[in-house]
N, C-alpha and C. Protein backbone atom coordinates (compact mmCIF):
# COMPACT_ATOMS: atom_id res chain seq x y z
N MET A 1 90.79 78.16 174.50
CA MET A 1 90.57 79.36 173.73
C MET A 1 91.89 80.08 173.46
N PHE A 2 92.76 80.09 174.48
CA PHE A 2 94.06 80.72 174.27
C PHE A 2 94.89 79.97 173.23
N ILE A 3 94.70 78.67 173.16
CA ILE A 3 95.45 77.87 172.19
C ILE A 3 95.05 78.26 170.76
N ILE A 4 93.74 78.45 170.56
CA ILE A 4 93.25 78.83 169.23
C ILE A 4 93.76 80.22 168.84
N THR A 5 93.64 81.18 169.75
CA THR A 5 94.09 82.54 169.43
C THR A 5 95.61 82.59 169.25
N ASN A 6 96.32 81.77 170.00
CA ASN A 6 97.77 81.72 169.84
C ASN A 6 98.14 81.15 168.48
N TYR A 7 97.41 80.13 168.03
CA TYR A 7 97.66 79.55 166.71
C TYR A 7 97.39 80.58 165.61
N ILE A 8 96.29 81.30 165.71
CA ILE A 8 95.95 82.31 164.70
C ILE A 8 97.00 83.41 164.68
N GLY A 9 97.40 83.86 165.87
CA GLY A 9 98.42 84.90 165.95
C GLY A 9 99.76 84.44 165.40
N SER A 10 100.12 83.21 165.68
CA SER A 10 101.38 82.67 165.17
C SER A 10 101.33 82.56 163.64
N PHE A 11 100.21 82.10 163.12
CA PHE A 11 100.05 82.00 161.68
C PHE A 11 100.13 83.38 161.03
N ALA A 12 99.46 84.36 161.61
CA ALA A 12 99.47 85.71 161.05
C ALA A 12 100.87 86.31 161.12
N PHE A 13 101.59 86.04 162.20
CA PHE A 13 102.93 86.58 162.36
C PHE A 13 103.88 85.98 161.32
N LYS A 14 103.75 84.67 161.07
CA LYS A 14 104.61 84.02 160.07
C LYS A 14 104.33 84.54 158.67
N THR A 15 103.05 84.73 158.36
CA THR A 15 102.71 85.20 157.01
C THR A 15 103.05 86.67 156.82
N LEU A 16 103.18 87.41 157.92
CA LEU A 16 103.48 88.83 157.81
C LEU A 16 104.84 89.05 157.14
N PHE A 17 105.81 88.18 157.41
CA PHE A 17 107.14 88.35 156.83
C PHE A 17 107.23 87.80 155.40
N LYS A 18 106.24 87.02 154.99
CA LYS A 18 106.23 86.48 153.63
C LYS A 18 105.45 87.37 152.66
N ASP A 19 104.78 88.37 153.18
CA ASP A 19 103.90 89.20 152.36
C ASP A 19 104.71 90.13 151.45
N ASP A 20 104.18 90.28 150.25
CA ASP A 20 104.83 91.15 149.28
C ASP A 20 103.93 92.31 148.84
N THR A 21 102.63 92.11 148.91
CA THR A 21 101.71 93.14 148.43
C THR A 21 100.95 93.76 149.60
N ILE A 22 100.36 94.89 149.32
CA ILE A 22 99.57 95.59 150.33
C ILE A 22 98.39 94.74 150.78
N ASP A 23 97.74 94.06 149.83
CA ASP A 23 96.59 93.22 150.19
C ASP A 23 97.00 92.09 151.13
N GLN A 24 98.16 91.52 150.91
CA GLN A 24 98.64 90.46 151.81
C GLN A 24 98.95 91.02 153.19
N PHE A 25 99.54 92.21 153.23
CA PHE A 25 99.79 92.85 154.53
C PHE A 25 98.49 93.14 155.27
N ILE A 26 97.49 93.59 154.55
CA ILE A 26 96.20 93.90 155.15
C ILE A 26 95.55 92.63 155.70
N THR A 27 95.60 91.56 154.91
CA THR A 27 95.03 90.28 155.35
C THR A 27 95.74 89.76 156.60
N SER A 28 97.07 89.82 156.61
CA SER A 28 97.83 89.36 157.77
C SER A 28 97.54 90.22 159.00
N THR A 29 97.44 91.51 158.79
CA THR A 29 97.13 92.40 159.90
C THR A 29 95.74 92.14 160.45
N GLN A 30 94.77 91.90 159.57
CA GLN A 30 93.42 91.58 160.04
C GLN A 30 93.40 90.27 160.83
N ALA A 31 94.14 89.27 160.38
CA ALA A 31 94.20 88.01 161.13
C ALA A 31 94.85 88.23 162.49
N TYR A 32 95.90 89.04 162.52
CA TYR A 32 96.58 89.34 163.78
C TYR A 32 95.65 90.11 164.72
N MET A 33 94.89 91.05 164.20
CA MET A 33 93.94 91.82 165.01
C MET A 33 92.83 90.91 165.52
N PHE A 34 92.38 89.97 164.68
CA PHE A 34 91.34 89.03 165.10
C PHE A 34 91.83 88.17 166.26
N SER A 35 93.06 87.69 166.17
CA SER A 35 93.58 86.86 167.26
C SER A 35 93.71 87.68 168.54
N ASP A 36 94.14 88.94 168.42
CA ASP A 36 94.21 89.80 169.60
C ASP A 36 92.83 90.08 170.17
N PHE A 37 91.85 90.28 169.30
CA PHE A 37 90.48 90.53 169.75
C PHE A 37 89.92 89.31 170.48
N MET A 38 90.25 88.12 170.01
CA MET A 38 89.76 86.89 170.63
C MET A 38 90.41 86.63 171.99
N ASP A 39 91.52 87.28 172.29
CA ASP A 39 92.14 87.15 173.60
C ASP A 39 91.29 87.78 174.70
N ILE A 40 90.47 88.77 174.35
CA ILE A 40 89.64 89.45 175.34
C ILE A 40 88.61 88.50 175.96
N PRO A 41 87.79 87.80 175.16
CA PRO A 41 86.86 86.85 175.78
C PRO A 41 87.58 85.71 176.52
N ALA A 42 88.73 85.30 176.01
CA ALA A 42 89.48 84.25 176.69
C ALA A 42 89.95 84.72 178.06
N ALA A 43 90.39 85.96 178.15
CA ALA A 43 90.82 86.51 179.44
C ALA A 43 89.63 86.65 180.40
N ILE A 44 88.49 87.08 179.89
CA ILE A 44 87.29 87.21 180.73
C ILE A 44 86.86 85.83 181.23
N LEU A 45 86.87 84.85 180.35
CA LEU A 45 86.52 83.48 180.75
C LEU A 45 87.47 82.96 181.82
N THR A 46 88.74 83.26 181.68
CA THR A 46 89.72 82.85 182.68
C THR A 46 89.44 83.50 184.03
N LEU A 47 89.12 84.78 184.03
CA LEU A 47 88.81 85.48 185.28
C LEU A 47 87.57 84.91 185.95
N VAL A 48 86.54 84.59 185.16
CA VAL A 48 85.32 84.00 185.72
C VAL A 48 85.63 82.64 186.33
N MET A 49 86.44 81.85 185.65
CA MET A 49 86.81 80.54 186.19
C MET A 49 87.59 80.67 187.49
N ILE A 50 88.51 81.62 187.55
CA ILE A 50 89.30 81.84 188.77
C ILE A 50 88.40 82.27 189.92
N GLN A 51 87.44 83.15 189.66
CA GLN A 51 86.51 83.58 190.70
C GLN A 51 85.68 82.41 191.21
N GLN A 52 85.20 81.57 190.32
CA GLN A 52 84.39 80.41 190.71
C GLN A 52 85.21 79.43 191.55
N ILE A 53 86.43 79.17 191.13
CA ILE A 53 87.29 78.26 191.88
C ILE A 53 87.59 78.85 193.26
N SER A 54 87.80 80.14 193.32
CA SER A 54 88.07 80.80 194.60
C SER A 54 86.88 80.67 195.55
N LYS A 55 85.67 80.84 195.04
CA LYS A 55 84.47 80.69 195.87
C LYS A 55 84.35 79.26 196.39
N GLU A 56 84.60 78.29 195.52
CA GLU A 56 84.50 76.89 195.92
C GLU A 56 85.56 76.54 196.96
N GLU A 57 86.78 77.09 196.81
CA GLU A 57 87.83 76.84 197.80
C GLU A 57 87.47 77.44 199.14
N LYS A 58 86.86 78.62 199.13
CA LYS A 58 86.45 79.26 200.38
C LYS A 58 85.39 78.41 201.08
N LEU A 59 84.42 77.92 200.33
CA LEU A 59 83.40 77.06 200.93
C LEU A 59 84.01 75.77 201.48
N LEU A 60 84.94 75.20 200.75
CA LEU A 60 85.61 73.98 201.21
C LEU A 60 86.42 74.26 202.48
N PHE A 61 87.12 75.38 202.51
CA PHE A 61 87.91 75.74 203.68
C PHE A 61 87.01 75.96 204.89
N ASP A 62 85.91 76.68 204.69
CA ASP A 62 84.98 76.94 205.79
C ASP A 62 84.38 75.65 206.33
N SER A 63 83.99 74.74 205.44
CA SER A 63 83.41 73.48 205.90
C SER A 63 84.46 72.63 206.61
N THR A 64 85.70 72.67 206.15
CA THR A 64 86.78 71.93 206.80
C THR A 64 87.06 72.51 208.18
N GLN A 65 87.09 73.81 208.30
CA GLN A 65 87.29 74.45 209.60
C GLN A 65 86.17 74.10 210.55
N HIS A 66 84.94 74.12 210.07
CA HIS A 66 83.79 73.79 210.90
C HIS A 66 83.88 72.35 211.36
N GLN A 67 84.28 71.45 210.46
CA GLN A 67 84.42 70.04 210.80
C GLN A 67 85.52 69.85 211.83
N ASN A 68 86.66 70.53 211.68
CA ASN A 68 87.76 70.42 212.63
C ASN A 68 87.35 70.94 214.01
N THR A 69 86.59 72.00 214.05
CA THR A 69 86.12 72.54 215.32
C THR A 69 85.20 71.55 216.01
N ASP A 70 84.30 70.94 215.27
CA ASP A 70 83.40 69.93 215.84
C ASP A 70 84.18 68.73 216.36
N ASP A 71 85.19 68.29 215.62
CA ASP A 71 86.01 67.16 216.04
C ASP A 71 86.78 67.50 217.31
N ASN A 72 87.30 68.71 217.41
CA ASN A 72 88.05 69.11 218.61
C ASN A 72 87.16 69.16 219.83
N ILE A 73 85.95 69.63 219.67
CA ILE A 73 85.01 69.70 220.80
C ILE A 73 84.66 68.29 221.25
N LYS A 74 84.38 67.39 220.33
CA LYS A 74 84.02 66.01 220.68
C LYS A 74 85.17 65.30 221.39
N THR A 75 86.40 65.46 220.89
CA THR A 75 87.53 64.78 221.50
C THR A 75 87.88 65.37 222.85
N SER A 76 87.68 66.65 223.03
CA SER A 76 88.01 67.23 224.34
C SER A 76 87.05 66.72 225.40
N PHE A 77 85.82 66.47 225.07
CA PHE A 77 84.88 65.93 226.04
C PHE A 77 85.17 64.45 226.32
N ILE A 78 85.61 63.73 225.32
CA ILE A 78 85.87 62.31 225.47
C ILE A 78 87.18 62.09 226.23
N GLU A 79 88.22 62.83 225.92
CA GLU A 79 89.53 62.60 226.48
C GLU A 79 89.65 63.11 227.92
N SER A 80 89.11 64.25 228.21
CA SER A 80 89.33 64.81 229.54
C SER A 80 88.01 65.32 230.14
N PRO A 81 87.21 64.41 230.61
CA PRO A 81 85.98 64.89 231.27
C PRO A 81 86.32 65.52 232.61
N GLU A 82 85.68 66.60 232.89
CA GLU A 82 85.94 67.28 234.16
C GLU A 82 84.98 66.70 235.22
N PRO A 83 85.53 66.47 236.39
CA PRO A 83 84.67 65.91 237.46
C PRO A 83 83.63 66.92 237.93
N LEU A 84 82.50 66.41 238.26
CA LEU A 84 81.45 67.25 238.82
C LEU A 84 81.62 67.29 240.33
N SER A 85 81.76 68.43 240.93
CA SER A 85 81.94 68.49 242.38
C SER A 85 80.71 68.97 243.08
């Protein structure tokens, strides 16, 4: 989405310097405003994706920690059993 809005903004910026009439300036400005407006949903989409990835990483980290704890408990019983007196 950022690629599309960047292309529109770049196109509008290039045409802005080639404009000679008021109508051309208005059209270029509208295209530039449209590309800026489209950056808002792209930014929101990016934030949602970052939040989702963060949640998945937290779940992965928690499951890895739980697995490591289980492995440590199993190996401690296997490696060094304490004698029963």
